[in-house]
Protein backbone atom coordinates (compact mmCIF):
# COMPACT_ATOMS: atom_id res chain seq x y z
CA MET A 1 -52.59 -207.10 34.93
CA ALA A 2 -51.95 -203.12 35.52
CA LEU A 3 -53.65 -201.46 32.62
CA LEU A 4 -51.25 -199.57 30.82
CA ASN A 5 -51.00 -195.70 30.88
CA PHE A 6 -51.28 -194.36 27.27
CA GLY A 7 -51.07 -190.57 26.18
CA ARG A 8 -51.87 -189.70 30.57
CA LYS A 9 -49.86 -187.23 31.99
CA GLU A 10 -48.85 -187.25 35.56
CA ALA A 11 -50.51 -184.21 37.55
CA SER A 12 -47.59 -181.81 38.11
CA ALA A 13 -46.74 -180.87 41.80
CA PRO A 14 -48.14 -177.50 42.86
CA ALA A 15 -44.81 -175.00 42.98
CA PRO A 16 -43.33 -174.92 46.59
CA VAL A 17 -44.33 -171.65 48.18
CA ASN A 18 -41.86 -169.09 48.92
CA PRO A 19 -41.75 -168.45 52.63
CA VAL A 20 -41.00 -164.54 52.94
CA LEU A 21 -44.01 -164.03 50.20
CA GLU A 22 -46.01 -165.93 52.42
CA SER A 23 -45.08 -163.88 55.58
CA PHE A 24 -45.93 -161.08 53.56
CA LEU A 25 -49.07 -162.07 52.62
CA GLU A 26 -50.27 -162.66 56.47
CA ASP A 27 -53.77 -160.86 56.88
CA PHE A 28 -54.12 -159.62 53.66
CA SER A 29 -57.10 -158.09 52.78
CA ILE A 30 -59.49 -157.85 49.80
CA GLU A 31 -61.94 -155.19 48.33
CA VAL A 32 -65.74 -156.46 47.42
CA MET A 33 -68.43 -154.74 46.56
CA PRO A 34 -72.72 -155.81 46.92
CA ARG A 35 -73.11 -156.69 43.62
CA THR A 36 -69.85 -158.79 43.32
CA ALA A 37 -70.12 -159.87 46.80
CA GLU A 38 -73.30 -161.79 45.87
CA LYS A 39 -71.97 -163.86 43.26
CA ILE A 40 -69.87 -165.91 46.04
CA GLU A 41 -72.19 -168.23 47.67
CA ASP A 42 -69.84 -168.74 50.88
CA PHE A 43 -66.91 -166.65 51.49
CA ARG A 44 -65.32 -169.26 53.47
CA GLY A 45 -64.60 -171.16 50.88
CA LEU A 46 -62.18 -168.90 49.46
CA LEU A 47 -60.69 -166.61 52.42
CA PRO A 48 -58.89 -167.55 55.64
CA GLN A 49 -60.43 -167.19 58.60
CA LYS A 50 -60.65 -163.40 60.13
CA THR A 51 -59.73 -161.87 56.46
CA ARG A 52 -60.65 -158.15 56.51
CA VAL A 53 -62.83 -157.46 53.53
CA TYR A 54 -63.69 -153.96 52.67
CA ILE A 55 -66.74 -153.17 51.08
CA ALA A 56 -66.63 -150.35 48.11
CA HIS A 57 -69.29 -147.63 48.43
CA ILE A 58 -69.98 -146.64 44.61
CA GLU A 59 -72.22 -143.76 43.96
CA GLY A 60 -75.62 -145.01 43.89
CA THR A 61 -75.72 -148.03 46.00
CA PRO A 62 -78.19 -147.83 48.54
CA ILE A 63 -76.91 -147.89 52.24
CA GLU A 64 -79.32 -151.00 52.82
CA ASP A 65 -77.07 -153.21 50.26
CA MET A 66 -73.84 -152.20 51.58
CA VAL A 67 -75.09 -153.22 55.53
CA ALA A 68 -76.64 -156.12 53.88
CA THR A 69 -73.55 -156.99 52.90
CA ALA A 70 -71.47 -156.47 55.64
CA ALA A 71 -74.04 -158.37 57.92
CA ARG A 72 -73.77 -161.21 55.61
CA LEU A 73 -69.91 -161.32 55.96
CA ASN A 74 -69.97 -160.80 59.31
CA GLY A 75 -71.99 -163.65 59.78
CA GLN A 76 -69.66 -165.90 57.91
CA GLY A 77 -66.78 -164.78 60.49
CA PHE A 78 -64.74 -161.66 58.66
CA ASP A 79 -63.56 -158.43 59.47
CA VAL A 80 -66.05 -155.94 57.74
CA MET A 81 -64.28 -152.65 56.72
CA PRO A 82 -67.44 -150.42 54.96
CA HIS A 83 -66.03 -147.63 52.66
CA PHE A 84 -67.15 -144.44 54.03
CA PRO A 85 -66.84 -141.63 51.12
CA ALA A 86 -67.24 -138.38 52.13
CA ARG A 87 -68.89 -136.66 48.81
CA ILE A 88 -71.70 -138.87 48.88
CA ILE A 89 -72.64 -138.62 52.77
CA LYS A 90 -75.15 -135.44 53.07
CA ASP A 91 -74.46 -134.64 56.33
CA THR A 92 -73.31 -135.55 60.03
CA ALA A 93 -76.95 -136.74 60.45
CA THR A 94 -76.53 -139.15 57.33
CA LEU A 95 -73.02 -140.12 58.65
CA LYS A 96 -74.34 -141.03 62.32
CA ASP A 97 -77.39 -142.76 60.71
CA TRP A 98 -74.75 -144.91 58.57
CA ILE A 99 -72.63 -145.80 61.61
CA ALA A 100 -75.65 -146.61 63.71
CA ARG A 101 -76.59 -149.19 61.03
CA TYR A 102 -73.56 -150.87 60.18
CA GLN A 103 -72.98 -151.05 64.08
CA GLY A 104 -76.74 -152.39 64.84
CA GLU A 105 -77.26 -154.88 62.19
CA ALA A 106 -73.56 -156.28 60.93
CA ASN A 107 -71.71 -155.74 64.14
CA VAL A 108 -69.08 -152.98 62.56
CA ASP A 109 -66.50 -151.75 64.43
CA GLN A 110 -63.75 -150.75 61.54
CA ALA A 111 -64.42 -148.29 58.30
CA LEU A 112 -62.16 -147.02 55.47
CA LEU A 113 -62.89 -143.28 55.18
CA LEU A 114 -61.98 -141.07 51.68
CA ALA A 115 -62.84 -138.77 49.64
CA GLY A 116 -65.06 -140.97 47.30
CA GLY A 117 -64.97 -140.85 43.50
CA VAL A 118 -67.25 -138.28 42.50
CA THR A 119 -66.18 -134.69 41.99
CA THR A 120 -69.12 -132.31 43.51
CA PRO A 121 -69.84 -133.32 46.85
CA HIS A 122 -73.40 -134.26 47.36
CA GLY A 123 -73.45 -132.48 51.36
CA ASP A 124 -71.32 -131.17 53.85
CA PHE A 125 -68.12 -133.56 53.26
CA ASP A 126 -65.37 -132.88 51.15
CA SER A 127 -62.74 -134.69 52.24
CA SER A 128 -61.79 -138.23 55.15
CA MET A 129 -60.44 -135.57 57.39
CA GLN A 130 -63.60 -133.80 57.59
CA LEU A 131 -65.53 -137.27 58.19
CA LEU A 132 -63.22 -137.65 61.17
CA GLU A 133 -63.37 -134.06 62.57
CA THR A 134 -66.98 -134.88 63.47
CA GLY A 135 -65.81 -137.25 66.18
CA ALA A 136 -68.63 -139.66 64.63
CA PHE A 137 -66.34 -142.44 64.40
CA GLY A 138 -65.03 -142.08 68.11
CA GLU A 139 -67.81 -141.52 69.93
CA THR A 140 -69.26 -144.60 69.13
CA GLY A 141 -65.74 -147.04 69.44
CA PHE A 142 -64.90 -147.48 66.30
CA LYS A 143 -61.58 -149.64 66.94
CA ARG A 144 -59.69 -149.50 63.13
CA LEU A 145 -59.98 -146.53 61.10
CA HIS A 146 -58.29 -146.86 57.36
CA VAL A 147 -57.65 -143.09 55.28
CA ALA A 148 -56.16 -143.32 52.10
CA GLY A 149 -52.68 -143.38 50.26
CA HIS A 150 -51.61 -142.71 47.51
CA PRO A 151 -47.98 -143.51 46.26
CA GLU A 152 -48.27 -142.57 42.44
CA GLY A 153 -49.79 -138.92 43.68
CA ASN A 154 -53.44 -138.16 43.05
CA LYS A 155 -54.39 -135.91 39.99
CA ASP A 156 -58.11 -135.30 41.75
CA ILE A 157 -56.32 -133.82 44.74
CA ASP A 158 -53.17 -132.16 43.21
CA PRO A 159 -53.99 -130.99 39.72
CA ASP A 160 -50.75 -130.10 38.89
CA GLY A 161 -49.20 -133.47 39.23
CA SER A 162 -47.37 -132.99 42.35
CA MET A 163 -47.50 -134.73 45.85
CA LYS A 164 -48.37 -131.20 47.83
CA ASN A 165 -51.52 -131.25 49.09
CA VAL A 166 -51.49 -135.08 49.58
CA THR A 167 -48.62 -134.86 51.56
CA GLN A 168 -50.23 -132.31 53.98
CA ALA A 169 -53.25 -134.45 53.99
CA LEU A 170 -50.78 -137.42 55.18
CA GLU A 171 -49.45 -135.24 57.46
CA TRP A 172 -52.67 -134.21 59.21
CA LYS A 173 -53.83 -137.78 59.69
CA GLN A 174 -50.74 -138.22 61.22
CA LYS A 175 -51.09 -135.84 63.81
CA PHE A 176 -54.88 -137.23 64.20
CA SER A 177 -53.63 -140.78 64.78
CA GLU A 178 -51.32 -139.71 67.60
CA SER A 179 -54.40 -138.29 69.33
CA SER A 180 -56.78 -141.39 68.36
CA ASP A 181 -57.50 -144.45 70.32
CA ALA A 182 -58.22 -146.18 66.72
CA GLU A 183 -55.76 -148.46 65.25
CA MET A 184 -54.92 -146.53 61.81
CA ALA A 185 -53.38 -147.13 58.53
CA LEU A 186 -53.15 -145.88 55.05
CA ALA A 187 -54.68 -148.28 52.34
CA THR A 188 -53.22 -147.17 49.02
CA GLN A 189 -54.00 -147.12 45.66
CA PHE A 190 -53.43 -150.37 43.46
CA CYS A 191 -49.34 -150.13 42.39
CA PHE A 192 -47.68 -152.46 40.04
CA GLU A 193 -44.05 -151.23 40.50
CA ALA A 194 -41.90 -152.00 43.79
CA LYS A 195 -39.00 -149.70 43.59
CA PRO A 196 -41.04 -146.64 43.62
CA VAL A 197 -44.00 -147.49 46.41
CA ILE A 198 -40.44 -148.32 48.46
CA ALA A 199 -39.24 -145.07 47.67
CA TRP A 200 -42.33 -143.47 48.57
CA ALA A 201 -42.62 -145.34 51.65
CA ASN A 202 -39.71 -144.55 52.82
CA ASP A 203 -39.83 -140.49 52.22
CA LEU A 204 -43.16 -140.94 54.61
CA ALA A 205 -40.81 -142.66 57.13
CA GLU A 206 -38.09 -139.63 56.85
CA ALA A 207 -41.18 -136.93 57.03
CA GLY A 208 -42.47 -138.64 60.30
CA ILE A 209 -45.41 -140.20 59.06
CA ASN A 210 -45.87 -143.75 60.51
CA ILE A 211 -48.86 -144.75 59.94
CA PRO A 212 -48.91 -148.13 58.95
CA ILE A 213 -49.13 -149.04 54.98
CA HIS A 214 -51.50 -151.40 53.79
CA ILE A 215 -50.44 -151.55 49.95
CA GLY A 216 -52.84 -151.89 47.44
CA VAL A 217 -52.24 -154.05 45.03
CA ALA A 218 -54.47 -155.28 41.64
CA GLY A 219 -55.09 -159.31 41.71
CA PRO A 220 -54.95 -161.52 38.74
CA ALA A 221 -56.55 -159.91 35.53
CA LYS A 222 -56.34 -159.62 31.74
CA LEU A 223 -53.76 -157.24 31.08
CA GLN A 224 -56.73 -154.94 28.87
CA THR A 225 -58.98 -154.78 32.36
CA LEU A 226 -55.80 -153.34 34.47
CA ILE A 227 -54.73 -150.91 32.02
CA LYS A 228 -58.45 -149.91 31.62
CA PHE A 229 -59.06 -149.56 35.45
CA SER A 230 -55.50 -147.83 36.06
CA ILE A 231 -56.28 -144.90 33.66
CA ALA A 232 -59.68 -144.76 35.27
CA CYS A 233 -58.27 -144.76 39.21
CA GLY A 234 -55.45 -142.37 37.88
CA VAL A 235 -52.70 -144.91 38.60
CA GLY A 236 -49.66 -142.99 36.66
CA ALA A 237 -46.04 -144.21 36.84
CA SER A 238 -46.34 -147.60 37.30
CA LEU A 239 -48.73 -147.85 34.33
CA ARG A 240 -45.63 -148.50 32.20
CA VAL A 241 -44.94 -151.97 33.49
CA LEU A 242 -48.74 -152.96 32.18
CA GLN A 243 -47.58 -151.12 28.74
CA LYS A 244 -44.29 -152.62 28.47
CA ARG A 245 -46.29 -156.28 28.97
CA ALA A 246 -48.97 -155.27 26.14
CA LYS A 247 -45.80 -154.94 23.92
CA ASP A 248 -44.77 -158.75 23.91
CA VAL A 249 -47.54 -160.66 21.88
CA THR A 250 -46.40 -163.83 24.11
CA LYS A 251 -48.10 -162.11 26.92
CA LEU A 252 -51.08 -160.21 25.76
CA LEU A 253 -53.47 -162.97 26.45
CA LEU A 254 -51.69 -164.31 29.55
CA PRO A 255 -53.39 -162.95 32.86
CA PHE A 256 -50.92 -160.52 34.86
CA GLU A 257 -50.44 -161.80 38.14
CA PRO A 258 -48.68 -159.64 41.06
CA THR A 259 -46.27 -162.39 42.12
CA GLU A 260 -43.10 -160.28 40.94
CA PHE A 261 -44.00 -157.25 42.10
CA LEU A 262 -45.14 -158.55 45.89
CA THR A 263 -41.97 -160.86 45.87
CA GLU A 264 -39.89 -157.96 45.50
CA LEU A 265 -41.85 -156.06 48.14
CA ALA A 266 -41.83 -158.96 50.61
CA GLU A 267 -37.80 -159.33 50.21
CA HIS A 268 -37.37 -155.76 50.85
CA LYS A 269 -39.53 -156.15 53.84
CA ALA A 270 -37.97 -159.10 54.73
CA ALA A 271 -34.53 -157.29 54.62
CA ASN A 272 -35.84 -154.55 56.07
CA PRO A 273 -38.17 -155.13 59.13
CA ASN A 274 -38.93 -151.77 60.03
CA PHE A 275 -40.18 -150.72 56.55
CA ASN A 276 -43.66 -149.32 56.97
CA ILE A 277 -45.81 -151.70 54.39
CA THR A 278 -47.07 -154.13 56.86
CA HIS A 279 -49.98 -155.39 54.91
CA VAL A 280 -51.34 -156.38 51.33
CA HIS A 281 -54.39 -155.36 50.03
CA PHE A 282 -55.88 -156.40 46.93
CA PHE A 283 -58.53 -155.43 44.15
CA PRO A 284 -59.50 -158.49 42.93
CA LEU A 285 -59.94 -156.86 39.48
CA GLY A 286 -59.99 -160.23 37.71
CA GLY A 287 -62.60 -161.58 39.91
CA ILE A 288 -62.77 -162.73 43.59
CA LYS A 289 -62.54 -166.46 43.01
CA THR A 290 -59.50 -165.76 40.74
CA ASN A 291 -57.92 -163.50 43.13
CA ALA A 292 -58.81 -165.65 46.27
CA THR A 293 -57.01 -169.05 44.27
CA TRP A 294 -53.94 -167.27 43.35
CA VAL A 295 -53.41 -166.04 46.97
CA THR A 296 -54.34 -169.64 48.23
CA GLU A 297 -51.54 -171.21 45.48
CA ASN A 298 -49.21 -168.46 46.98
CA GLY A 299 -49.67 -167.79 50.21
CA GLY A 300 -49.31 -171.06 52.16
CA ALA A 301 -50.74 -170.70 55.37
CA ALA A 302 -51.28 -167.21 54.65
CA GLY A 303 -53.63 -168.11 52.11
CA THR A 304 -55.77 -170.97 53.51
CA PRO A 305 -59.26 -170.58 53.42
CA ALA A 306 -61.24 -170.86 56.49
CA LEU A 307 -63.41 -174.30 55.20
CA ASN A 308 -59.80 -175.97 54.40
CA ALA A 309 -58.33 -175.08 57.60
CA GLN A 310 -61.27 -177.03 59.19
CA ASP A 311 -60.41 -180.19 57.66
């Protein structure tokens, strides 16, 4: 005799994966810090094999912690890209020491070069361009070098709110990329509104700047968390998307997800294959596991964790 199934709901089938979004998410990257990474026992249960993992170097983080995190991630089969924040690197000798440690202990051959979040430089360097000019990365055979992109500008670089200095820096980086053996890309700040991002990328292409763009995306998080980080990081124009949502009481307590933003970019890319946004880079502001779960649920094959792929 069959048992009666009182009050039990059938589990809903997972939503079908959008193939356009799945294609756009292929080879996505994600950012961690040593203190957030140590909470994850095995990244292979969360991320696809060979995912590029950036390691943010916040002022005050010992280089030993950075290298240990890089070594652990490399050991689990991921491509590791540590930050090199110019303003916290004392001099060329320190830069070369960091490079030697990363290469010798963690097999690192790629880096994100940026000015860094401090106002006053700790030593000789003030910008990523000065790091590139040392030649230290080319001398040691780094295969991939990423630099910062700012779709909404950067008040630290252009206090007047214009894009003048940011654009000049990109023009310099474009020329450098043309003479460098390393593969280069622009890793951008996180954004929430697709149309301004599309316009910015098209403007760069028209100006002859063809370095591939890895668009920064905030992973799922509480609305209050995203607004806090957006203000702290100087994300301007697309902050209005969050502020508009905050006015809707029904959405205030729900996590904000990047689905709409990424789908609009993915559809534009599908319709315009030469569009220069080539990859997605996640800032897991709501947590690494939360971000990875969203990619797994929305990315199809592009989001299948390494351990699941082995089953």
